[in-house]
Amino acid sequence: MMIATPWPRVLGVPLLSIFLLLLGVRAGAQADGLSRVLSQDAFLDIVRNHHPVARQANLIVDRAKADLITAKAGFDPLLQLTSERKTFDGKNYFDHFNPGLKIPTWYGVEVSAGVEDHLGDFLNPEVTPGRSSYLSFSVPLARNLLMDKRRAVLQQARIFREQSKSERLAVLNDLLHEATKDYWHWVGTYLVHMILTEAVGVNEVRMRLVRQGVSGGDRAAIDTTEALAQLQSFRLAQAEAWLEYRKAGFELSNYLWRADDRPYEMPVDILPDTSWASADLQRIQLPALEGVLSAALLEHPKLMVLDQKMKSLDIDRRLKFQDLLPMVNLKYNFLNSGYNVFNEASFAYYRNNYKFGIDIAMPLRLSQGRGQYQAAKIKITETSLDLGLSRLSIENKVRYQFTELAGLRNQVVLAADNLQNYERLFRGEVSRFRLGESTIFLVNMRESKLLEARQKLASLQTKFMASILSLRWSAGQLR
């Protein structure tokens, strides 16, 4: 079957879709009602939803969202109240009642409004007796005009939220890659065990036939020893394959967790899905390398993390630059008697009822500002170099995985052809043996070579299947 449909995304149809269909969830009972099949899709769903590392990756995003809420606190309006009274020796020294509201804005301007009620016999001369109200503005004219700590923290928190999503994808990408490698190793050991189990069954039948032939005088007694040695060799290899299969199953259990955070030990009757073996793996068209590379350099989560880190460092650089500017803060208060600051809305009134101030400060050497600004620029340079190295590393990984995938496909083709030739040789030797023109020794030799070819093909097929996922991993597409 020739499959030449172009892939719509980086690693989409046909290669991915074929195997996703073939590897669909088949966790139900088989015809015998006992064995169950664990497909790749079902396995990866369990890893995504229940593995502790995957759940920790989700917590990264939740923590970033919580930090964003905290960062927004710098722009929360502040309602405040000051109330103070002093009475001593029958005298009312003072009674202050000052509720107010402070509203920070995005561009560094702070707006405050409130009322004051001052009573008593010993008030501070700066305090206005009775009821008054005010509306004040505080405006930075140099430092903190274009950037201040509140704005920097909020902008960085928003970037960290997006960065946490990329970090989650990076963690999942690596976790699923390790999981799929162990899954296909488990599948490979199962196939080897099944091949050897089949060989043991065939040789047990042959052993009985040889014994019958010896009893009937058709075969030499030494043929029994030859057949028995072959059977024992295969039984030993079967036992070793069973041990490897069980060890691979235990390793796979490391990725299996229940919804209640309890580990799950995979029972022995859980079998891997082998329906993919019926697909024509030899003629699958590979994706375009340039398409995979461009998508990897654009969407790889590790590169996205570094891009977002660069944005955060640029905000930090802009913030540190503010320390090189003088601090010039302008303050202006509209004042009025009574609780309504706008009671007298005439220009002449506000010209004579206000409070004005200006604060100016600047370090003479700017040592702290110059040092922090240089450090911020150095961090940007370091991250830029790291980004360049990461791009090169990811590009080389994609090229390597693509080359490995193409090479494995060719090896599968060669191994399949090789297997067919060994099958012909084995069938021919068996035919000669039945006609009395060959010996059981030669039959056993042909069978051993055939068995090696079957195991080699099974190993290459599972490596090819795992390599498909490795290519997606190198491009950062395992989600």
Protein backbone atom coordinates (compact mmCIF):
# COMPACT_ATOMS: atom_id res chain seq x y z
CA MET A 1 0.00 0.00 0.00
CA MET A 2 1.58 3.27 -1.13
CA ILE A 3 0.82 6.23 1.12
CA ALA A 4 1.90 9.53 -0.40
CA THR A 5 -0.51 12.06 1.07
CA PRO A 6 1.36 15.21 2.24
CA TRP A 7 1.34 15.91 5.96
CA PRO A 8 -0.77 18.98 6.89
CA ARG A 9 1.27 19.99 9.93
CA VAL A 10 4.77 19.32 11.12
CA LEU A 11 4.26 15.62 11.63
CA GLY A 12 0.65 15.17 10.62
CA VAL A 13 -1.00 12.91 8.09
CA PRO A 14 -0.19 10.38 6.78
CA LEU A 15 2.52 9.03 9.09
CA LEU A 16 1.05 10.23 12.34
CA SER A 17 -2.61 9.70 11.49
CA ILE A 18 -1.99 6.15 10.27
CA PHE A 19 -0.42 5.10 13.51
CA LEU A 20 -2.82 7.03 15.70
CA LEU A 21 -5.62 5.11 14.00
CA LEU A 22 -3.78 1.83 14.24
CA LEU A 23 -2.77 2.53 17.83
CA GLY A 24 -6.24 3.55 18.97
CA VAL A 25 -7.49 2.73 22.40
CA ARG A 26 -8.01 -1.01 22.67
CA ALA A 27 -8.10 -1.46 26.41
CA GLY A 28 -11.18 -3.67 26.38
CA ALA A 29 -11.14 -7.39 26.88
CA GLN A 30 -10.00 -9.63 24.08
CA ALA A 31 -12.00 -12.57 22.80
CA ASP A 32 -10.77 -14.79 25.62
CA GLY A 33 -12.14 -12.31 28.13
CA LEU A 34 -8.86 -12.23 30.06
CA SER A 35 -6.12 -10.33 28.25
CA ARG A 36 -6.32 -6.58 27.74
CA VAL A 37 -4.43 -4.47 25.23
CA LEU A 38 -2.62 -1.25 26.13
CA SER A 39 -2.23 0.95 23.09
CA GLN A 40 0.17 3.85 22.76
CA ASP A 41 -2.66 6.40 22.84
CA ALA A 42 -4.20 4.93 25.98
CA PHE A 43 -0.79 4.79 27.63
CA LEU A 44 0.05 8.42 26.79
CA ASP A 45 -3.37 9.57 28.02
CA ILE A 46 -2.62 7.99 31.39
CA VAL A 47 0.78 9.70 31.50
CA ARG A 48 -0.65 13.10 30.56
CA ASN A 49 -3.48 12.98 33.07
CA HIS A 50 -2.04 11.19 36.08
CA HIS A 51 1.75 11.14 36.08
CA PRO A 52 3.15 13.29 38.94
CA VAL A 53 5.55 15.14 36.63
CA ALA A 54 2.68 16.04 34.28
CA ARG A 55 0.60 17.25 37.19
CA GLN A 56 3.53 19.28 38.51
CA ALA A 57 3.81 20.85 35.07
CA ASN A 58 0.19 21.96 35.37
CA LEU A 59 1.00 23.51 38.74
CA ILE A 60 3.65 25.67 37.08
CA VAL A 61 0.89 27.42 35.14
CA ASP A 62 -1.34 27.71 38.22
CA ARG A 63 1.50 29.26 40.21
CA ALA A 64 2.19 31.78 37.45
CA LYS A 65 -1.49 32.76 37.44
CA ALA A 66 -1.36 33.28 41.20
CA ASP A 67 1.75 35.45 40.81
CA LEU A 68 -0.06 37.54 38.21
CA ILE A 69 -2.89 38.20 40.64
CA THR A 70 -0.30 39.26 43.22
CA ALA A 71 1.36 41.61 40.71
CA LYS A 72 -1.96 43.33 40.04
CA ALA A 73 -2.06 44.32 43.69
CA GLY A 74 0.28 47.22 42.91
CA PHE A 75 -2.60 48.89 41.06
CA ASP A 76 -5.33 48.17 43.59
CA PRO A 77 -7.08 51.29 44.95
CA LEU A 78 -6.29 51.84 48.62
CA LEU A 79 -8.97 52.94 51.06
CA GLN A 80 -7.47 54.28 54.26
CA LEU A 81 -8.66 55.90 57.46
CA THR A 82 -6.77 57.77 60.17
CA SER A 83 -8.59 58.58 63.37
CA GLU A 84 -6.86 59.93 66.46
CA ARG A 85 -8.08 61.74 69.60
CA LYS A 86 -6.32 63.09 72.68
CA THR A 87 -8.06 64.23 75.89
CA PHE A 88 -6.10 64.99 79.03
CA ASP A 89 -6.91 66.76 82.28
CA GLY A 90 -10.32 67.79 81.02
CA LYS A 91 -8.92 69.36 77.86
CA ASN A 92 -9.62 68.29 74.30
CA TYR A 93 -6.17 68.47 72.75
CA PHE A 94 -7.14 67.26 69.27
CA ASP A 95 -9.56 65.04 67.41
CA HIS A 96 -8.51 63.96 63.89
CA PHE A 97 -10.72 62.02 61.46
CA ASN A 98 -9.20 61.56 57.97
CA PRO A 99 -10.69 58.98 55.54
CA GLY A 100 -9.15 58.86 52.05
CA LEU A 101 -8.81 56.94 48.81
CA LYS A 102 -5.60 56.50 46.80
CA ILE A 103 -5.77 55.30 43.18
CA PRO A 104 -2.53 54.37 41.37
CA THR A 105 -2.66 54.61 37.56
CA TRP A 106 -0.70 52.85 34.84
CA TYR A 107 1.47 55.83 33.88
CA GLY A 108 2.84 56.44 37.37
CA VAL A 109 0.33 59.14 38.31
CA GLU A 110 -1.26 58.67 41.72
CA VAL A 111 -4.64 60.23 42.43
CA SER A 112 -5.73 60.72 46.02
CA ALA A 113 -8.94 62.12 47.45
CA GLY A 114 -10.24 62.44 50.97
CA VAL A 115 -11.74 64.56 53.70
CA GLU A 116 -10.30 65.86 56.93
CA ASP A 117 -12.00 66.78 60.17
CA HIS A 118 -9.72 68.42 62.75
CA LEU A 119 -11.05 69.63 66.13
CA GLY A 120 -9.35 70.52 69.41
CA ASP A 121 -7.68 73.23 71.43
CA PHE A 122 -4.09 72.35 70.56
CA LEU A 123 -3.99 71.68 66.82
CA ASN A 124 -0.84 71.80 64.73
CA PRO A 125 -0.74 75.16 62.90
CA GLU A 126 -0.30 73.29 59.58
CA VAL A 127 -3.64 71.57 60.09
CA THR A 128 -6.80 73.29 58.88
CA PRO A 129 -9.38 73.37 61.71
CA GLY A 130 -12.85 72.05 60.94
CA ARG A 131 -13.92 70.16 57.88
CA SER A 132 -11.97 70.22 54.62
CA SER A 133 -11.50 68.08 51.54
CA TYR A 134 -8.77 67.55 48.98
CA LEU A 135 -8.04 66.04 45.58
CA SER A 136 -4.33 65.47 44.92
CA PHE A 137 -2.13 64.35 42.05
CA SER A 138 1.42 63.03 42.22
CA VAL A 139 3.21 62.97 38.85
CA PRO A 140 6.76 61.68 38.16
CA LEU A 141 8.43 63.88 35.56
CA ALA A 142 11.66 61.92 34.99
CA ARG A 143 12.34 58.69 36.87
CA ASN A 144 9.36 56.26 36.86
CA LEU A 145 7.55 58.23 34.15
CA LEU A 146 7.87 55.59 31.41
CA MET A 147 8.52 52.60 33.66
CA ASP A 148 8.33 51.90 37.36
CA LYS A 149 8.51 48.84 39.56
CA ARG A 150 4.74 48.28 39.67
CA ARG A 151 4.43 48.29 35.90
CA ALA A 152 7.54 46.14 35.50
CA VAL A 153 6.29 43.53 37.98
CA LEU A 154 2.89 43.33 36.29
CA GLN A 155 4.32 43.09 32.77
CA GLN A 156 6.80 40.44 33.86
CA ALA A 157 4.05 38.49 35.62
CA ARG A 158 2.08 38.41 32.38
CA ILE A 159 5.16 37.20 30.53
CA PHE A 160 5.82 34.58 33.22
CA ARG A 161 2.26 33.31 32.79
CA GLU A 162 2.91 32.67 29.10
CA GLN A 163 6.38 31.36 29.91
CA SER A 164 4.89 28.87 32.38
CA LYS A 165 2.69 27.49 29.60
CA SER A 166 5.77 26.97 27.46
CA GLU A 167 7.62 25.39 30.39
CA ARG A 168 4.68 23.02 30.87
CA LEU A 169 4.87 22.01 27.21
CA ALA A 170 8.62 21.48 27.49
CA VAL A 171 8.18 19.24 30.54
CA LEU A 172 5.42 17.25 28.82
CA ASN A 173 7.49 16.95 25.64
CA ASP A 174 10.39 15.37 27.52
CA LEU A 175 8.17 13.22 29.75
CA LEU A 176 6.15 11.78 26.87
CA HIS A 177 9.34 11.12 24.92
CA GLU A 178 10.83 9.07 27.74
CA ALA A 179 7.50 7.30 28.19
CA THR A 180 7.18 6.36 24.52
CA LYS A 181 10.74 5.04 24.40
CA ASP A 182 9.96 2.70 27.29
CA TYR A 183 6.62 1.78 25.74
CA TRP A 184 8.17 0.69 22.46
CA HIS A 185 10.93 -1.14 24.29
CA TRP A 186 8.16 -3.04 26.06
CA VAL A 187 6.48 -3.77 22.72
CA GLY A 188 9.78 -4.94 21.25
CA THR A 189 10.46 -7.38 24.09
CA TYR A 190 6.92 -8.72 23.74
CA LEU A 191 7.39 -9.37 20.02
CA VAL A 192 10.69 -11.17 20.64
CA HIS A 193 9.07 -13.32 23.31
CA MET A 194 6.17 -14.19 21.01
CA ILE A 195 8.56 -15.10 18.17
CA LEU A 196 10.54 -17.39 20.47
CA THR A 197 7.37 -18.88 21.93
CA GLU A 198 6.22 -19.73 18.43
CA ALA A 199 9.64 -21.25 17.66
CA VAL A 200 9.48 -23.38 20.80
CA GLY A 201 6.05 -24.67 19.76
CA VAL A 202 7.29 -25.54 16.27
CA ASN A 203 10.33 -27.34 17.66
CA GLU A 204 8.26 -29.30 20.16
CA VAL A 205 6.21 -30.64 17.27
CA ARG A 206 9.39 -31.39 15.31
CA MET A 207 10.85 -33.18 18.33
CA ARG A 208 7.88 -35.51 18.47
CA LEU A 209 8.09 -36.21 14.73
CA VAL A 210 11.79 -36.95 14.93
CA ARG A 211 11.25 -39.38 17.78
CA GLN A 212 8.56 -41.08 15.79
CA GLY A 213 10.93 -41.28 12.84
CA VAL A 214 13.67 -42.79 15.01
CA SER A 215 11.23 -45.32 16.43
CA GLY A 216 10.15 -46.27 12.92
CA GLY A 217 13.72 -46.59 11.73
CA ASP A 218 13.46 -43.70 9.30
CA ARG A 219 15.86 -41.43 11.22
CA ALA A 220 19.14 -41.86 12.98
CA ALA A 221 19.13 -41.66 16.79
CA ILE A 222 21.51 -38.70 16.66
CA ASP A 223 18.71 -36.66 15.10
CA THR A 224 16.89 -36.81 18.42
CA THR A 225 19.84 -35.20 20.16
CA GLU A 226 20.06 -32.54 17.44
CA ALA A 227 16.36 -31.71 17.72
CA LEU A 228 16.49 -31.68 21.51
CA ALA A 229 19.49 -29.33 21.57
CA GLN A 230 17.67 -26.92 19.26
CA LEU A 231 14.53 -27.08 21.40
CA GLN A 232 16.47 -26.49 24.61
CA SER A 233 18.29 -23.54 23.03
CA PHE A 234 15.00 -21.96 22.03
CA ARG A 235 13.46 -22.62 25.45
CA LEU A 236 16.41 -20.89 27.09
CA ALA A 237 16.07 -17.91 24.73
CA GLN A 238 12.32 -17.87 25.43
CA ALA A 239 12.93 -17.72 29.17
CA GLU A 240 15.41 -14.86 28.72
CA ALA A 241 12.94 -13.03 26.47
CA TRP A 242 10.18 -13.48 29.05
CA LEU A 243 12.42 -11.98 31.73
CA GLU A 244 13.24 -8.99 29.50
CA TYR A 245 9.55 -8.54 28.73
CA ARG A 246 8.61 -8.53 32.41
CA LYS A 247 11.46 -6.12 33.25
CA ALA A 248 10.24 -3.78 30.50
CA GLY A 249 6.73 -4.05 31.96
CA PHE A 250 7.98 -3.04 35.39
CA GLU A 251 9.80 -0.07 33.87
CA LEU A 252 6.62 0.91 32.07
CA SER A 253 4.71 0.78 35.35
CA ASN A 254 6.73 3.80 36.49
CA TYR A 255 4.55 5.90 34.19
CA LEU A 256 1.22 4.39 35.25
CA TRP A 257 -0.60 6.23 38.02
CA ARG A 258 -4.17 6.25 39.22
CA ALA A 259 -6.37 9.32 39.46
CA ASP A 260 -5.98 9.28 43.27
CA ASP A 261 -2.16 9.69 42.96
CA ARG A 262 -1.46 6.04 43.73
CA PRO A 263 0.99 4.10 41.56
CA TYR A 264 -0.38 1.33 39.38
CA GLU A 265 1.48 -1.92 38.89
CA MET A 266 0.66 -3.29 35.47
CA PRO A 267 -0.74 -6.85 35.62
CA VAL A 268 0.87 -9.57 33.55
CA ASP A 269 -2.25 -9.98 31.41
CA ILE A 270 -1.89 -6.44 30.00
CA LEU A 271 -0.45 -6.83 26.50
CA PRO A 272 0.88 -4.26 24.03
CA ASP A 273 -1.01 -3.38 20.90
CA THR A 274 0.50 -5.05 17.84
CA SER A 275 -2.16 -4.09 15.28
CA TRP A 276 0.33 -1.62 13.79
CA ALA A 277 2.37 -4.56 12.50
CA SER A 278 -0.20 -5.05 9.73
CA ALA A 279 0.55 -1.58 8.31
CA ASP A 280 2.96 -1.23 5.42
CA LEU A 281 5.81 0.47 7.24
CA GLN A 282 8.12 0.12 4.27
CA ARG A 283 6.53 2.66 1.96
CA ILE A 284 5.54 5.45 4.28
CA GLN A 285 6.52 8.85 2.94
CA LEU A 286 8.49 10.98 5.39
CA PRO A 287 7.65 14.64 6.05
CA ALA A 288 9.64 17.46 4.49
CA LEU A 289 12.68 18.19 6.64
CA GLU A 290 12.49 21.94 6.07
CA GLY A 291 8.88 21.99 7.26
CA VAL A 292 9.81 20.16 10.45
CA LEU A 293 12.77 22.50 11.03
CA SER A 294 10.77 25.69 10.50
CA ALA A 295 8.02 24.54 12.84
CA ALA A 296 10.56 23.46 15.47
CA LEU A 297 12.37 26.81 15.41
CA LEU A 298 9.03 28.60 15.63
CA GLU A 299 7.09 26.50 18.15
CA HIS A 300 9.59 24.54 20.24
CA PRO A 301 8.64 25.22 23.89
CA LYS A 302 12.25 25.61 25.03
CA LEU A 303 12.82 28.36 22.47
CA MET A 304 9.54 29.97 23.47
CA VAL A 305 10.69 29.98 27.10
CA LEU A 306 13.91 31.75 26.14
CA ASP A 307 12.05 34.25 23.95
CA GLN A 308 9.78 35.11 26.84
CA LYS A 309 12.77 35.35 29.15
CA MET A 310 14.32 37.85 26.75
CA LYS A 311 11.15 39.97 26.94
CA SER A 312 11.24 39.87 30.74
CA LEU A 313 14.91 40.86 30.81
CA ASP A 314 14.22 43.76 28.47
CA ILE A 315 11.59 45.03 30.89
CA ASP A 316 14.13 44.70 33.70
CA ARG A 317 16.66 46.67 31.63
CA ARG A 318 14.14 49.47 31.08
CA LEU A 319 13.40 49.50 34.80
CA LYS A 320 17.09 49.69 35.71
CA PHE A 321 17.52 52.57 33.27
CA GLN A 322 15.16 54.61 35.42
CA ASP A 323 17.85 54.71 38.14
CA LEU A 324 19.98 56.77 35.75
CA LEU A 325 17.36 59.53 35.71
CA PRO A 326 16.80 62.16 38.40
CA MET A 327 13.79 61.79 40.65
CA VAL A 328 11.41 64.69 40.00
CA ASN A 329 7.96 64.27 41.52
CA LEU A 330 5.31 66.97 41.20
CA LYS A 331 2.51 67.08 43.79
CA TYR A 332 -0.59 69.24 43.60
CA ASN A 333 -3.63 69.23 45.90
CA PHE A 334 -6.97 70.95 45.33
CA LEU A 335 -8.33 72.08 48.69
CA ASN A 336 -11.75 73.16 49.87
CA SER A 337 -13.53 73.71 53.13
CA GLY A 338 -16.28 71.22 53.87
CA TYR A 339 -16.59 67.72 52.51
CA ASN A 340 -17.05 68.67 48.84
CA VAL A 341 -13.79 69.53 47.14
CA PHE A 342 -15.66 70.78 44.05
CA ASN A 343 -18.06 73.02 45.99
CA GLU A 344 -16.38 76.14 44.62
CA ALA A 345 -15.66 75.42 40.97
CA SER A 346 -14.07 78.74 40.05
CA PHE A 347 -10.51 79.24 38.89
CA ALA A 348 -9.95 82.06 41.34
CA TYR A 349 -10.95 79.83 44.23
CA TYR A 350 -8.54 77.02 43.38
CA ARG A 351 -5.78 79.52 42.66
CA ASN A 352 -5.89 80.53 46.32
CA ASN A 353 -6.71 77.12 47.86
CA TYR A 354 -4.11 74.54 46.97
CA LYS A 355 -1.08 72.71 48.20
CA PHE A 356 1.86 72.37 45.83
CA GLY A 357 5.19 70.61 46.15
CA ILE A 358 8.05 69.18 44.15
CA ASP A 359 10.65 66.59 45.19
CA ILE A 360 13.99 66.44 43.39
CA ALA A 361 16.79 63.99 44.09
CA MET A 362 19.67 62.52 42.10
CA PRO A 363 22.79 60.57 43.12
CA LEU A 364 25.87 62.44 41.94
CA ARG A 365 27.80 59.41 40.74
CA LEU A 366 24.87 57.18 39.73
CA SER A 367 26.91 54.15 40.81
CA GLN A 368 23.92 51.94 41.62
CA GLY A 369 22.07 52.87 38.45
CA ARG A 370 25.06 52.36 36.17
CA GLY A 371 25.96 49.03 37.77
CA GLN A 372 22.45 47.59 37.67
CA TYR A 373 21.87 48.78 34.12
CA GLN A 374 25.10 47.15 32.92
CA ALA A 375 24.18 43.93 34.75
CA ALA A 376 20.76 43.90 33.06
CA LYS A 377 22.37 44.30 29.63
CA ILE A 378 24.80 41.47 30.39
CA LYS A 379 21.90 39.15 31.29
CA ILE A 380 20.27 39.95 27.96
CA THR A 381 23.50 39.12 26.13
CA GLU A 382 23.85 35.84 28.03
CA THR A 383 20.28 34.82 27.25
CA SER A 384 20.71 35.81 23.60
CA LEU A 385 23.75 33.52 23.35
CA ASP A 386 21.83 30.76 25.11
CA LEU A 387 18.98 31.22 22.64
CA GLY A 388 21.36 30.90 19.69
CA LEU A 389 22.90 27.73 21.11
CA SER A 390 19.48 26.26 21.80
CA ARG A 391 18.33 26.97 18.26
CA LEU A 392 21.38 25.21 16.86
CA SER A 393 20.96 22.27 19.24
CA ILE A 394 17.29 21.83 18.35
CA GLU A 395 18.02 22.11 14.63
CA ASN A 396 20.70 19.42 14.90
CA LYS A 397 18.38 17.19 16.94
CA VAL A 398 15.69 17.46 14.30
CA ARG A 399 18.17 16.66 11.54
CA TYR A 400 19.53 13.70 13.50
CA GLN A 401 16.09 12.28 14.31
CA PHE A 402 14.97 12.77 10.72
CA THR A 403 18.08 10.99 9.45
CA GLU A 404 17.53 8.16 11.94
CA LEU A 405 13.87 7.83 10.90
CA ALA A 406 14.79 7.68 7.21
CA GLY A 407 17.58 5.22 7.93
CA LEU A 408 15.31 2.98 9.98
CA ARG A 409 12.72 2.96 7.23
CA ASN A 410 15.37 1.74 4.78
CA GLN A 411 16.57 -0.85 7.28
CA VAL A 412 13.01 -2.11 7.73
CA VAL A 413 12.76 -2.57 3.96
CA LEU A 414 16.06 -4.46 3.82
CA ALA A 415 15.21 -6.55 6.89
CA ALA A 416 11.83 -7.50 5.42
CA ASP A 417 13.45 -8.59 2.15
CA ASN A 418 16.09 -10.45 4.09
CA LEU A 419 13.41 -12.23 6.11
CA GLN A 420 11.65 -13.34 2.93
CA ASN A 421 14.87 -14.84 1.62
CA TYR A 422 15.48 -16.72 4.87
CA GLU A 423 11.91 -17.99 4.77
CA ARG A 424 12.49 -19.34 1.26
CA LEU A 425 15.72 -21.01 2.34
CA PHE A 426 14.06 -22.54 5.38
CA ARG A 427 11.07 -23.84 3.44
CA GLY A 428 13.41 -25.29 0.82
CA GLU A 429 15.54 -26.99 3.46
CA VAL A 430 12.44 -28.44 5.12
CA SER A 431 11.29 -29.80 1.76
CA ARG A 432 14.68 -31.41 1.18
CA PHE A 433 14.58 -32.85 4.70
CA ARG A 434 11.21 -34.46 4.04
CA LEU A 435 12.61 -36.00 0.87
CA GLY A 436 15.61 -37.32 2.76
CA GLU A 437 18.07 -35.06 0.94
CA SER A 438 18.99 -32.93 3.99
CA THR A 439 19.71 -33.31 7.66
CA ILE A 440 18.03 -31.92 10.72
CA PHE A 441 21.27 -30.07 11.44
CA LEU A 442 20.87 -28.00 8.29
CA VAL A 443 17.17 -27.45 9.04
CA ASN A 444 18.09 -26.17 12.47
CA MET A 445 20.70 -23.83 11.00
CA ARG A 446 18.20 -22.42 8.54
CA GLU A 447 15.64 -22.03 11.31
CA SER A 448 18.10 -20.23 13.59
CA LYS A 449 18.92 -17.75 10.85
CA LEU A 450 15.23 -17.28 10.14
CA LEU A 451 14.59 -16.66 13.82
CA GLU A 452 17.37 -14.08 13.97
CA ALA A 453 15.91 -12.32 10.92
CA ARG A 454 12.43 -12.22 12.48
CA GLN A 455 13.80 -10.77 15.72
CA LYS A 456 15.87 -8.22 13.80
CA LEU A 457 12.86 -7.10 11.79
CA ALA A 458 10.71 -6.80 14.94
CA SER A 459 13.45 -4.75 16.62
CA LEU A 460 13.77 -2.42 13.63
CA GLN A 461 10.00 -2.01 13.36
CA THR A 462 9.64 -0.96 16.99
CA LYS A 463 12.64 1.36 16.69
CA PHE A 464 11.00 2.90 13.62
CA MET A 465 7.76 3.42 15.51
CA ALA A 466 9.62 4.97 18.44
CA SER A 467 11.61 7.15 16.04
CA ILE A 468 8.39 8.71 14.76
CA LEU A 469 7.74 10.01 18.26
CA SER A 470 11.39 10.99 18.67
CA LEU A 471 11.13 13.22 15.62
CA ARG A 472 8.07 14.90 17.09
CA TRP A 473 9.95 15.27 20.39
CA SER A 474 12.95 16.91 18.73
CA ALA A 475 10.55 19.41 17.13
CA GLY A 476 8.83 20.03 20.49
CA GLN A 477 5.51 18.63 19.25
CA LEU A 478 4.76 15.98 21.88
CA ARG A 479 1.86 17.43 23.84
